[in-house]
Amino acid sequence: MICNSIQERPELKLVSHGRKMALIGRPVPAIEGLVIATGLSPLIKCSFVTGDPGLISAFVERWHKETSTFHLPVGELTITLNDVSSLLYLPINGAFHSFEALSMDEAVFLLMELLEVSGEEARAVTVRAHGAYVRLSWVRAIYEMRCQEQRWIVATRAYLLHLVGCTLFSNKSATNVHVVHLEAFRNLGQSGGYSWGAAALVHMYD
């Protein structure tokens, strides 16, 4: 009797947010300087619309999560902070921001405080997203409203939350972004001092 002990890998799901970034576009001139100051503006152009499933699948097959390395015919390779800096032009020096899990109530409070929405709306959008998340489409709507109201600091936070939700901190839902990332934009003057490259690498490994 022959037992097949090899477990087939689940079907690979590629998530691309290129079209979502096209919908929000570049930041309006009034907040462009604030976005640039965070060090995250290179991400605006890094989203892609289509990918190569075969190529990515080949890399996934050779990824060893125990060592965070690719086992390739040429040897064992890993993605380094220098790679992140060279490819994404993100700062790799600076403070490390620790993102800790939020409860629903904490997420609601953060949305009320930093995006200046009502408690009822904040609770409704998190319930709709089934957790401490909000839909990227909702974040775009908040951004547009705050721009119309000329509430530029809040508009910048919404833009940046959408940006990292489409790039650095994208997830398998393909539609939501975790509210916890909004905390990094509480004080925009400090946001540029974070090591975004390190945060990107940690999130990718996770």
N, C-alpha and C. Protein backbone atom coordinates (compact mmCIF):
# COMPACT_ATOMS: atom_id res chain seq x y z
N MET A 1 0.85 -1.19 0.00
CA MET A 1 0.00 0.00 0.00
C MET A 1 0.89 1.24 0.00
N ILE A 2 0.62 2.15 -0.91
CA ILE A 2 1.41 3.37 -1.03
C ILE A 2 0.59 4.55 -0.53
N CYS A 3 1.13 5.29 0.42
CA CYS A 3 0.42 6.46 0.96
C CYS A 3 1.07 7.72 0.40
N ASN A 4 0.26 8.58 -0.09
CA ASN A 4 0.77 9.84 -0.61
C ASN A 4 0.81 10.85 0.54
N SER A 5 2.01 11.09 1.04
CA SER A 5 2.17 11.97 2.20
C SER A 5 2.37 13.43 1.80
N ILE A 6 2.45 13.67 0.49
CA ILE A 6 2.69 15.04 0.04
C ILE A 6 1.37 15.80 -0.01
N GLN A 7 1.31 16.87 0.73
CA GLN A 7 0.11 17.69 0.74
C GLN A 7 0.19 18.71 -0.37
N GLU A 8 -0.85 18.79 -1.16
CA GLU A 8 -0.85 19.77 -2.23
C GLU A 8 -1.04 21.17 -1.64
N ARG A 9 -0.28 22.11 -2.20
CA ARG A 9 -0.41 23.49 -1.77
C ARG A 9 -1.72 24.07 -2.28
N PRO A 10 -2.43 24.84 -1.44
CA PRO A 10 -3.67 25.46 -1.90
C PRO A 10 -3.41 26.34 -3.12
N GLU A 11 -4.44 26.57 -3.88
CA GLU A 11 -4.30 27.38 -5.09
C GLU A 11 -3.78 28.77 -4.73
N LEU A 12 -2.82 29.23 -5.50
CA LEU A 12 -2.19 30.52 -5.26
C LEU A 12 -3.15 31.64 -5.63
N LYS A 13 -3.29 32.59 -4.71
CA LYS A 13 -4.16 33.74 -4.95
C LYS A 13 -3.30 35.00 -5.02
N LEU A 14 -3.30 35.65 -6.17
CA LEU A 14 -2.55 36.89 -6.33
C LEU A 14 -3.48 38.07 -6.10
N VAL A 15 -3.04 39.00 -5.26
CA VAL A 15 -3.84 40.19 -4.97
C VAL A 15 -3.11 41.40 -5.51
N SER A 16 -3.73 42.11 -6.43
CA SER A 16 -3.13 43.31 -7.01
C SER A 16 -4.03 44.50 -6.73
N HIS A 17 -3.41 45.56 -6.23
CA HIS A 17 -4.19 46.76 -5.90
C HIS A 17 -3.89 47.91 -6.87
N GLY A 18 -3.30 47.60 -8.00
CA GLY A 18 -2.96 48.65 -8.96
C GLY A 18 -4.16 49.48 -9.37
N ARG A 19 -5.29 48.83 -9.61
CA ARG A 19 -6.49 49.57 -10.02
C ARG A 19 -7.03 50.43 -8.87
N LYS A 20 -6.91 49.92 -7.64
CA LYS A 20 -7.38 50.70 -6.49
C LYS A 20 -6.54 51.96 -6.31
N MET A 21 -5.23 51.86 -6.55
CA MET A 21 -4.38 53.04 -6.46
C MET A 21 -4.70 54.01 -7.58
N ALA A 22 -5.06 53.48 -8.74
CA ALA A 22 -5.44 54.36 -9.85
C ALA A 22 -6.71 55.13 -9.51
N LEU A 23 -7.60 54.52 -8.73
CA LEU A 23 -8.86 55.18 -8.36
C LEU A 23 -8.62 56.38 -7.43
N ILE A 24 -7.67 56.24 -6.53
CA ILE A 24 -7.40 57.35 -5.60
C ILE A 24 -6.42 58.34 -6.21
N GLY A 25 -5.56 57.87 -7.10
CA GLY A 25 -4.63 58.76 -7.80
C GLY A 25 -3.54 59.33 -6.91
N ARG A 26 -2.86 60.32 -7.42
CA ARG A 26 -1.83 61.00 -6.64
C ARG A 26 -2.49 61.91 -5.61
N PRO A 27 -1.80 62.22 -4.53
CA PRO A 27 -2.40 63.11 -3.52
C PRO A 27 -2.64 64.50 -4.09
N VAL A 28 -3.67 65.16 -3.62
CA VAL A 28 -3.95 66.53 -4.08
C VAL A 28 -2.78 67.42 -3.66
N PRO A 29 -2.54 68.51 -4.39
CA PRO A 29 -1.38 69.38 -4.09
C PRO A 29 -1.31 69.84 -2.64
N ALA A 30 -2.45 70.04 -1.99
CA ALA A 30 -2.45 70.56 -0.62
C ALA A 30 -1.82 69.60 0.38
N ILE A 31 -1.80 68.28 0.07
CA ILE A 31 -1.24 67.32 1.02
C ILE A 31 0.00 66.62 0.45
N GLU A 32 0.40 66.97 -0.75
CA GLU A 32 1.51 66.26 -1.39
C GLU A 32 2.78 66.33 -0.55
N GLY A 33 3.07 67.52 0.01
CA GLY A 33 4.26 67.67 0.84
C GLY A 33 4.21 66.81 2.09
N LEU A 34 3.02 66.70 2.69
CA LEU A 34 2.86 65.87 3.89
C LEU A 34 3.10 64.40 3.58
N VAL A 35 2.61 63.95 2.42
CA VAL A 35 2.80 62.56 2.01
C VAL A 35 4.28 62.29 1.75
N ILE A 36 4.94 63.19 1.04
CA ILE A 36 6.36 63.02 0.74
C ILE A 36 7.19 62.96 2.01
N ALA A 37 6.82 63.77 3.00
CA ALA A 37 7.59 63.84 4.25
C ALA A 37 7.56 62.53 5.03
N THR A 38 6.56 61.68 4.80
CA THR A 38 6.50 60.40 5.51
C THR A 38 7.49 59.38 4.96
N GLY A 39 8.01 59.62 3.75
CA GLY A 39 8.91 58.66 3.12
C GLY A 39 8.18 57.56 2.36
N LEU A 40 6.85 57.66 2.28
CA LEU A 40 6.05 56.60 1.64
C LEU A 40 5.64 56.92 0.20
N SER A 41 5.95 58.11 -0.28
CA SER A 41 5.49 58.49 -1.61
C SER A 41 5.99 57.58 -2.75
N PRO A 42 7.18 56.93 -2.64
CA PRO A 42 7.58 56.01 -3.72
C PRO A 42 6.59 54.87 -3.94
N LEU A 43 5.78 54.55 -2.93
CA LEU A 43 4.83 53.45 -3.05
C LEU A 43 3.69 53.77 -4.02
N ILE A 44 3.47 55.05 -4.28
CA ILE A 44 2.35 55.46 -5.13
C ILE A 44 2.44 54.82 -6.50
N LYS A 45 3.67 54.67 -7.01
CA LYS A 45 3.87 54.13 -8.35
C LYS A 45 4.28 52.67 -8.37
N CYS A 46 4.30 52.01 -7.20
CA CYS A 46 4.84 50.64 -7.19
C CYS A 46 3.77 49.58 -7.34
N SER A 47 2.48 49.95 -7.33
CA SER A 47 1.43 48.95 -7.47
C SER A 47 1.39 48.43 -8.91
N PHE A 48 1.02 47.16 -9.04
CA PHE A 48 0.92 46.56 -10.37
C PHE A 48 -0.50 46.07 -10.60
N VAL A 49 -0.88 46.00 -11.87
CA VAL A 49 -2.24 45.59 -12.22
C VAL A 49 -2.30 44.09 -12.49
N THR A 50 -1.28 43.55 -13.13
CA THR A 50 -1.25 42.11 -13.42
C THR A 50 0.06 41.52 -12.92
N GLY A 51 0.04 40.22 -12.66
CA GLY A 51 1.24 39.52 -12.21
C GLY A 51 1.45 38.26 -13.03
N ASP A 52 2.54 37.59 -12.79
CA ASP A 52 2.86 36.34 -13.47
C ASP A 52 2.67 35.20 -12.47
N PRO A 53 1.50 34.54 -12.47
CA PRO A 53 1.23 33.48 -11.49
C PRO A 53 2.26 32.35 -11.53
N GLY A 54 2.71 32.00 -12.72
CA GLY A 54 3.69 30.92 -12.84
C GLY A 54 5.00 31.25 -12.16
N LEU A 55 5.49 32.47 -12.40
CA LEU A 55 6.76 32.90 -11.80
C LEU A 55 6.64 32.98 -10.29
N ILE A 56 5.56 33.59 -9.82
CA ILE A 56 5.37 33.74 -8.37
C ILE A 56 5.18 32.38 -7.71
N SER A 57 4.45 31.49 -8.38
CA SER A 57 4.25 30.15 -7.85
C SER A 57 5.57 29.41 -7.70
N ALA A 58 6.47 29.60 -8.66
CA ALA A 58 7.78 28.95 -8.59
C ALA A 58 8.57 29.43 -7.37
N PHE A 59 8.48 30.73 -7.09
CA PHE A 59 9.17 31.25 -5.91
C PHE A 59 8.51 30.75 -4.62
N VAL A 60 7.18 30.68 -4.61
CA VAL A 60 6.47 30.19 -3.43
C VAL A 60 6.88 28.75 -3.11
N GLU A 61 7.03 27.92 -4.16
CA GLU A 61 7.43 26.52 -3.98
C GLU A 61 8.79 26.41 -3.31
N ARG A 62 9.65 27.39 -3.54
CA ARG A 62 11.02 27.31 -3.03
C ARG A 62 11.24 28.15 -1.77
N TRP A 63 10.14 28.69 -1.22
CA TRP A 63 10.24 29.50 0.00
C TRP A 63 10.17 28.61 1.24
N HIS A 64 11.11 28.77 2.14
CA HIS A 64 11.13 28.03 3.40
C HIS A 64 10.86 29.01 4.53
N LYS A 65 9.67 28.90 5.10
CA LYS A 65 9.28 29.89 6.12
C LYS A 65 10.09 29.74 7.40
N GLU A 66 10.65 28.55 7.64
CA GLU A 66 11.44 28.35 8.86
C GLU A 66 12.69 29.23 8.86
N THR A 67 13.26 29.45 7.69
CA THR A 67 14.49 30.23 7.58
C THR A 67 14.29 31.55 6.85
N SER A 68 13.06 31.78 6.33
CA SER A 68 12.76 32.99 5.54
C SER A 68 13.73 33.13 4.37
N THR A 69 13.93 32.01 3.67
CA THR A 69 14.84 32.02 2.52
C THR A 69 14.25 31.25 1.35
N PHE A 70 14.74 31.59 0.16
CA PHE A 70 14.42 30.84 -1.04
C PHE A 70 15.54 29.82 -1.28
N HIS A 71 15.17 28.57 -1.56
CA HIS A 71 16.16 27.55 -1.91
C HIS A 71 16.14 27.39 -3.42
N LEU A 72 17.12 28.00 -4.07
CA LEU A 72 17.19 28.06 -5.53
C LEU A 72 18.37 27.24 -6.03
N PRO A 73 18.38 26.91 -7.31
CA PRO A 73 19.51 26.15 -7.86
C PRO A 73 20.86 26.85 -7.64
N VAL A 74 20.85 28.18 -7.55
CA VAL A 74 22.11 28.91 -7.37
C VAL A 74 22.50 29.01 -5.90
N GLY A 75 21.63 28.54 -5.01
CA GLY A 75 21.93 28.60 -3.58
C GLY A 75 20.76 29.14 -2.77
N GLU A 76 21.02 29.40 -1.51
CA GLU A 76 19.99 29.90 -0.59
C GLU A 76 20.02 31.42 -0.57
N LEU A 77 18.87 32.02 -0.85
CA LEU A 77 18.79 33.47 -0.92
C LEU A 77 17.68 33.99 -0.02
N THR A 78 17.84 35.22 0.44
CA THR A 78 16.79 35.84 1.23
C THR A 78 16.61 37.29 0.79
N ILE A 79 15.51 37.89 1.19
CA ILE A 79 15.25 39.30 0.89
C ILE A 79 15.77 40.12 2.07
N THR A 80 16.59 41.10 1.79
CA THR A 80 17.22 41.89 2.83
C THR A 80 16.65 43.30 2.87
N LEU A 81 16.99 44.01 3.93
CA LEU A 81 16.58 45.41 4.03
C LEU A 81 17.15 46.24 2.88
N ASN A 82 18.34 45.88 2.45
CA ASN A 82 18.94 46.60 1.32
C ASN A 82 18.12 46.39 0.05
N ASP A 83 17.58 45.18 -0.12
CA ASP A 83 16.71 44.91 -1.27
C ASP A 83 15.47 45.79 -1.22
N VAL A 84 14.86 45.88 -0.03
CA VAL A 84 13.66 46.71 0.14
C VAL A 84 13.97 48.16 -0.20
N SER A 85 15.10 48.64 0.29
CA SER A 85 15.51 50.02 0.02
C SER A 85 15.74 50.25 -1.46
N SER A 86 16.40 49.29 -2.13
CA SER A 86 16.73 49.45 -3.54
C SER A 86 15.52 49.35 -4.45
N LEU A 87 14.56 48.49 -4.09
CA LEU A 87 13.39 48.27 -4.94
C LEU A 87 12.25 49.22 -4.66
N LEU A 88 12.02 49.53 -3.39
CA LEU A 88 10.87 50.36 -3.02
C LEU A 88 11.25 51.78 -2.61
N TYR A 89 12.56 52.04 -2.45
CA TYR A 89 13.04 53.37 -2.05
C TYR A 89 12.45 53.82 -0.72
N LEU A 90 12.29 52.87 0.19
CA LEU A 90 11.75 53.18 1.50
C LEU A 90 12.88 53.33 2.51
N PRO A 91 12.70 54.19 3.52
CA PRO A 91 13.74 54.33 4.56
C PRO A 91 13.87 53.05 5.38
N ILE A 92 15.11 52.63 5.61
CA ILE A 92 15.35 51.43 6.41
C ILE A 92 16.01 51.77 7.74
N ASN A 93 16.28 53.05 7.96
CA ASN A 93 16.80 53.52 9.24
C ASN A 93 15.71 54.32 9.95
N GLY A 94 15.73 54.29 11.24
CA GLY A 94 14.74 55.06 12.00
C GLY A 94 14.06 54.21 13.05
N ALA A 95 13.02 54.78 13.62
CA ALA A 95 12.28 54.10 14.68
C ALA A 95 11.45 52.96 14.11
N PHE A 96 11.26 51.93 14.91
CA PHE A 96 10.43 50.81 14.48
C PHE A 96 9.08 50.93 15.15
N HIS A 97 8.03 51.01 14.34
CA HIS A 97 6.68 51.14 14.88
C HIS A 97 6.10 49.75 15.09
N SER A 98 5.65 49.50 16.30
CA SER A 98 5.07 48.20 16.63
C SER A 98 3.55 48.26 16.47
N PHE A 99 3.03 47.44 15.56
CA PHE A 99 1.59 47.39 15.33
C PHE A 99 0.99 46.24 16.15
N GLU A 100 0.20 46.59 17.15
CA GLU A 100 -0.41 45.58 18.00
C GLU A 100 -1.88 45.42 17.65
N ALA A 101 -2.39 44.20 17.80
CA ALA A 101 -3.77 43.90 17.42
C ALA A 101 -4.75 44.80 18.19
N LEU A 102 -5.81 45.20 17.51
CA LEU A 102 -6.82 46.06 18.10
C LEU A 102 -8.12 45.29 18.32
N SER A 103 -8.81 45.64 19.38
CA SER A 103 -10.17 45.13 19.55
C SER A 103 -11.09 45.98 18.68
N MET A 104 -12.32 45.54 18.52
CA MET A 104 -13.29 46.30 17.74
C MET A 104 -13.49 47.69 18.34
N ASP A 105 -13.62 47.77 19.65
CA ASP A 105 -13.84 49.06 20.31
C ASP A 105 -12.66 50.00 20.10
N GLU A 106 -11.44 49.45 20.18
CA GLU A 106 -10.24 50.27 19.95
C GLU A 106 -10.17 50.78 18.52
N ALA A 107 -10.56 49.91 17.58
CA ALA A 107 -10.57 50.31 16.17
C ALA A 107 -11.58 51.43 15.93
N VAL A 108 -12.75 51.30 16.53
CA VAL A 108 -13.78 52.33 16.40
C VAL A 108 -13.28 53.66 16.95
N PHE A 109 -12.65 53.63 18.12
CA PHE A 109 -12.15 54.86 18.73
C PHE A 109 -11.08 55.50 17.85
N LEU A 110 -10.20 54.69 17.28
CA LEU A 110 -9.13 55.21 16.43
C LEU A 110 -9.70 55.89 15.19
N LEU A 111 -10.72 55.28 14.59
CA LEU A 111 -11.36 55.89 13.42
C LEU A 111 -12.03 57.21 13.77
N MET A 112 -12.67 57.25 14.92
CA MET A 112 -13.33 58.48 15.37
C MET A 112 -12.30 59.58 15.61
N GLU A 113 -11.19 59.21 16.24
CA GLU A 113 -10.19 60.20 16.62
C GLU A 113 -9.37 60.71 15.44
N LEU A 114 -8.92 59.80 14.58
CA LEU A 114 -7.96 60.19 13.54
C LEU A 114 -8.58 60.46 12.17
N LEU A 115 -9.73 59.86 11.88
CA LEU A 115 -10.42 60.16 10.62
C LEU A 115 -11.66 61.03 10.85
N GLU A 116 -11.94 61.29 12.11
CA GLU A 116 -13.02 62.20 12.51
C GLU A 116 -14.38 61.79 11.93
N VAL A 117 -14.70 60.51 12.09
CA VAL A 117 -16.02 60.02 11.70
C VAL A 117 -16.83 59.78 12.97
N SER A 118 -18.14 59.66 12.84
CA SER A 118 -18.99 59.43 14.00
C SER A 118 -18.79 58.01 14.53
N GLY A 119 -19.15 57.81 15.79
CA GLY A 119 -19.05 56.48 16.38
C GLY A 119 -19.93 55.48 15.66
N GLU A 120 -21.11 55.94 15.24
CA GLU A 120 -22.04 55.05 14.54
C GLU A 120 -21.45 54.58 13.21
N GLU A 121 -20.85 55.51 12.48
CA GLU A 121 -20.26 55.14 11.18
C GLU A 121 -19.05 54.23 11.38
N ALA A 122 -18.21 54.56 12.35
CA ALA A 122 -17.02 53.75 12.61
C ALA A 122 -17.39 52.32 12.98
N ARG A 123 -18.40 52.17 13.82
CA ARG A 123 -18.81 50.82 14.22
C ARG A 123 -19.43 50.08 13.03
N ALA A 124 -20.21 50.80 12.22
CA ALA A 124 -20.86 50.15 11.07
C ALA A 124 -19.84 49.61 10.07
N VAL A 125 -18.78 50.39 9.80
CA VAL A 125 -17.81 49.94 8.79
C VAL A 125 -16.95 48.79 9.31
N THR A 126 -16.65 48.77 10.62
CA THR A 126 -15.87 47.66 11.15
C THR A 126 -16.70 46.38 11.23
N VAL A 127 -17.97 46.52 11.56
CA VAL A 127 -18.87 45.35 11.56
C VAL A 127 -18.98 44.78 10.16
N ARG A 128 -19.08 45.67 9.16
CA ARG A 128 -19.19 45.23 7.77
C ARG A 128 -17.93 44.48 7.32
N ALA A 129 -16.78 44.89 7.87
CA ALA A 129 -15.51 44.25 7.51
C ALA A 129 -15.17 43.07 8.42
N HIS A 130 -16.05 42.77 9.39
CA HIS A 130 -15.90 41.62 10.27
C HIS A 130 -14.63 41.68 11.13
N GLY A 131 -14.35 42.83 11.69
CA GLY A 131 -13.20 42.94 12.57
C GLY A 131 -12.65 44.35 12.60
N ALA A 132 -11.42 44.49 13.05
CA ALA A 132 -10.78 45.81 13.16
C ALA A 132 -10.23 46.25 11.81
N TYR A 133 -11.07 46.16 10.81
CA TYR A 133 -10.70 46.50 9.43
C TYR A 133 -11.72 47.48 8.86
N VAL A 134 -11.35 48.14 7.77
CA VAL A 134 -12.29 48.95 6.99
C VAL A 134 -12.02 48.67 5.52
N ARG A 135 -13.03 48.87 4.71
CA ARG A 135 -12.87 48.64 3.27
C ARG A 135 -12.06 49.78 2.66
N LEU A 136 -11.22 49.42 1.68
CA LEU A 136 -10.42 50.43 0.99
C LEU A 136 -11.32 51.43 0.27
N SER A 137 -12.45 50.97 -0.25
CA SER A 137 -13.38 51.87 -0.93
C SER A 137 -13.94 52.91 0.03
N TRP A 138 -14.17 52.52 1.28
CA TRP A 138 -14.66 53.46 2.30
C TRP A 138 -13.56 54.49 2.62
N VAL A 139 -12.31 54.05 2.71
CA VAL A 139 -11.21 54.97 2.99
C VAL A 139 -11.08 55.99 1.87
N ARG A 140 -11.26 55.56 0.62
CA ARG A 140 -11.22 56.50 -0.51
C ARG A 140 -12.32 57.55 -0.38
N ALA A 141 -13.50 57.11 0.02
CA ALA A 141 -14.63 58.04 0.17
C ALA A 141 -14.34 59.07 1.27
N ILE A 142 -13.76 58.61 2.39
CA ILE A 142 -13.40 59.52 3.48
C ILE A 142 -12.36 60.52 3.00
N TYR A 143 -11.38 60.05 2.24
CA TYR A 143 -10.33 60.93 1.71
C TYR A 143 -10.95 62.03 0.85
N GLU A 144 -11.84 61.65 -0.05
CA GLU A 144 -12.47 62.64 -0.93
C GLU A 144 -13.29 63.65 -0.15
N MET A 145 -14.03 63.19 0.87
CA MET A 145 -14.84 64.10 1.68
C MET A 145 -13.98 65.08 2.45
N ARG A 146 -12.88 64.57 3.05
CA ARG A 146 -12.02 65.46 3.83
C ARG A 146 -11.29 66.47 2.93
N CYS A 147 -11.01 66.09 1.70
CA CYS A 147 -10.42 67.04 0.75
C CYS A 147 -11.42 68.15 0.43
N GLN A 148 -12.67 67.77 0.20
CA GLN A 148 -13.71 68.75 -0.10
C GLN A 148 -13.89 69.72 1.06
N GLU A 149 -13.74 69.19 2.29
CA GLU A 149 -13.90 70.03 3.48
C GLU A 149 -12.61 70.78 3.84
N GLN A 150 -11.54 70.51 3.08
CA GLN A 150 -10.21 71.10 3.30
C GLN A 150 -9.66 70.79 4.69
N ARG A 151 -9.95 69.60 5.15
CA ARG A 151 -9.38 69.12 6.42
C ARG A 151 -8.16 68.28 6.06
N TRP A 152 -7.07 68.98 5.82
CA TRP A 152 -5.94 68.38 5.12
C TRP A 152 -5.20 67.33 5.94
N ILE A 153 -5.09 67.51 7.23
CA ILE A 153 -4.39 66.52 8.06
C ILE A 153 -5.14 65.19 8.03
N VAL A 154 -6.46 65.27 8.18
CA VAL A 154 -7.28 64.05 8.17
C VAL A 154 -7.26 63.42 6.78
N ALA A 155 -7.31 64.25 5.74
CA ALA A 155 -7.25 63.75 4.37
C ALA A 155 -5.93 63.02 4.12
N THR A 156 -4.84 63.55 4.68
CA THR A 156 -3.53 62.91 4.53
C THR A 156 -3.51 61.54 5.21
N ARG A 157 -4.07 61.47 6.40
CA ARG A 157 -4.13 60.18 7.11
C ARG A 157 -4.91 59.16 6.29
N ALA A 158 -6.05 59.57 5.74
CA ALA A 158 -6.86 58.64 4.95
C ALA A 158 -6.10 58.19 3.70
N TYR A 159 -5.42 59.12 3.05
CA TYR A 159 -4.65 58.77 1.85
C TYR A 159 -3.55 57.77 2.19
N LEU A 160 -2.84 58.02 3.27
CA LEU A 160 -1.73 57.15 3.65
C LEU A 160 -2.22 55.77 4.10
N LEU A 161 -3.36 55.73 4.80
CA LEU A 161 -3.92 54.43 5.19
C LEU A 161 -4.28 53.62 3.95
N HIS A 162 -4.86 54.27 2.96
CA HIS A 162 -5.19 53.59 1.70
C HIS A 162 -3.91 53.13 1.00
N LEU A 163 -2.90 53.98 1.00
CA LEU A 163 -1.64 53.67 0.32
C LEU A 163 -0.97 52.43 0.91
N VAL A 164 -0.82 52.38 2.23
CA VAL A 164 -0.15 51.22 2.83
C VAL A 164 -1.05 49.98 2.77
N GLY A 165 -2.37 50.18 2.75
CA GLY A 165 -3.28 49.05 2.62
C GLY A 165 -3.23 48.40 1.25
N CYS A 166 -2.79 49.19 0.26
CA CYS A 166 -2.66 48.66 -1.11
C CYS A 166 -1.25 48.15 -1.40
N THR A 167 -0.30 48.45 -0.54
CA THR A 167 1.10 48.11 -0.85
C THR A 167 1.76 47.35 0.30
N LEU A 168 2.30 48.06 1.26
CA LEU A 168 3.08 47.43 2.33
C LEU A 168 2.30 46.41 3.14
N PHE A 169 1.07 46.76 3.48
CA PHE A 169 0.31 45.93 4.41
C PHE A 169 -0.95 45.34 3.77
N SER A 170 -0.86 45.01 2.50
CA SER A 170 -2.00 44.37 1.83
C SER A 170 -2.23 42.99 2.45
N ASN A 171 -3.47 42.49 2.35
CA ASN A 171 -3.80 41.21 2.95
C ASN A 171 -4.65 40.37 2.01
N LYS A 172 -4.99 39.17 2.43
CA LYS A 172 -5.68 38.22 1.57
C LYS A 172 -7.13 38.61 1.27
N SER A 173 -7.68 39.53 2.03
CA SER A 173 -9.06 39.93 1.78
C SER A 173 -9.20 40.62 0.43
N ALA A 174 -8.16 41.31 0.00
CA ALA A 174 -8.13 42.05 -1.27
C ALA A 174 -9.02 43.28 -1.26
N THR A 175 -9.71 43.53 -0.16
CA THR A 175 -10.62 44.69 -0.10
C THR A 175 -10.45 45.52 1.17
N ASN A 176 -9.85 44.96 2.21
CA ASN A 176 -9.80 45.63 3.51
C ASN A 176 -8.38 46.05 3.90
N VAL A 177 -8.32 47.01 4.81
CA VAL A 177 -7.05 47.40 5.43
C VAL A 177 -7.27 47.42 6.94
N HIS A 178 -6.27 46.99 7.69
CA HIS A 178 -6.38 46.94 9.15
C HIS A 178 -6.29 48.36 9.71
N VAL A 179 -7.19 48.67 10.62
CA VAL A 179 -7.24 50.00 11.22
C VAL A 179 -5.99 50.32 12.03
N VAL A 180 -5.30 49.29 12.53
CA VAL A 180 -4.12 49.51 13.38
C VAL A 180 -3.06 50.36 12.68
N HIS A 181 -2.99 50.28 11.35
CA HIS A 181 -1.96 51.03 10.63
C HIS A 181 -2.21 52.54 10.68
N LEU A 182 -3.43 52.93 10.98
CA LEU A 182 -3.75 54.34 11.10
C LEU A 182 -2.98 55.00 12.24
N GLU A 183 -2.65 54.21 13.26
CA GLU A 183 -1.93 54.74 14.43
C GLU A 183 -0.58 55.35 14.02
N ALA A 184 0.04 54.81 12.99
CA ALA A 184 1.35 55.32 12.54
C ALA A 184 1.25 56.72 11.96
N PHE A 185 0.02 57.17 11.68
CA PHE A 185 -0.18 58.50 11.08
C PHE A 185 -0.86 59.47 12.05
N ARG A 186 -0.84 59.11 13.32
CA ARG A 186 -1.41 60.00 14.33
C ARG A 186 -0.68 61.34 14.30
N ASN A 187 0.63 61.28 14.37
CA ASN A 187 1.48 62.47 14.31
C ASN A 187 2.27 62.41 13.01
N LEU A 188 1.83 63.16 12.01
CA LEU A 188 2.47 63.08 10.70
C LEU A 188 3.92 63.55 10.74
N GLY A 189 4.24 64.39 11.72
CA GLY A 189 5.62 64.84 11.85
C GLY A 189 6.55 63.71 12.25
N GLN A 190 6.01 62.70 12.94
CA GLN A 190 6.82 61.56 13.37
C GLN A 190 6.82 60.44 12.33
N SER A 191 5.83 60.42 11.46
CA SER A 191 5.68 59.30 10.51
C SER A 191 6.89 59.14 9.60
N GLY A 192 7.54 60.24 9.29
CA GLY A 192 8.72 60.16 8.42
C GLY A 192 9.94 59.61 9.12
N GLY A 193 9.87 59.43 10.44
CA GLY A 193 11.02 58.91 11.18
C GLY A 193 10.99 57.42 11.37
N TYR A 194 9.97 56.75 10.79
CA TYR A 194 9.87 55.31 10.96
C TYR A 194 10.67 54.56 9.90
N SER A 195 11.12 53.37 10.27
CA SER A 195 11.80 52.50 9.31
C SER A 195 10.73 51.70 8.56
N TRP A 196 10.16 52.31 7.52
CA TRP A 196 9.09 51.66 6.77
C TRP A 196 9.58 50.41 6.05
N GLY A 197 10.85 50.42 5.64
CA GLY A 197 11.40 49.25 4.97
C GLY A 197 11.42 48.04 5.89
N ALA A 198 11.79 48.25 7.15
CA ALA A 198 11.80 47.15 8.13
C ALA A 198 10.39 46.65 8.38
N ALA A 199 9.43 47.57 8.48
CA ALA A 199 8.04 47.17 8.71
C ALA A 199 7.51 46.35 7.54
N ALA A 200 7.89 46.75 6.32
CA ALA A 200 7.48 46.01 5.13
C ALA A 200 8.03 44.59 5.14
N LEU A 201 9.30 44.45 5.52
CA LEU A 201 9.95 43.14 5.54
C LEU A 201 9.33 42.23 6.59
N VAL A 202 9.06 42.76 7.77
CA VAL A 202 8.43 41.98 8.83
C VAL A 202 7.05 41.51 8.41
N HIS A 203 6.27 42.41 7.81
CA HIS A 203 4.92 42.05 7.36
C HIS A 203 4.97 40.98 6.29
N MET A 204 5.92 41.07 5.39
CA MET A 204 6.05 40.07 4.33
C MET A 204 6.40 38.70 4.91
N TYR A 205 7.32 38.68 5.87
CA TYR A 205 7.68 37.41 6.49
C TYR A 205 6.49 36.80 7.22
N ASP A 206 5.71 37.65 7.91
CA ASP A 206 4.52 37.14 8.62
C ASP A 206 3.53 36.53 7.64
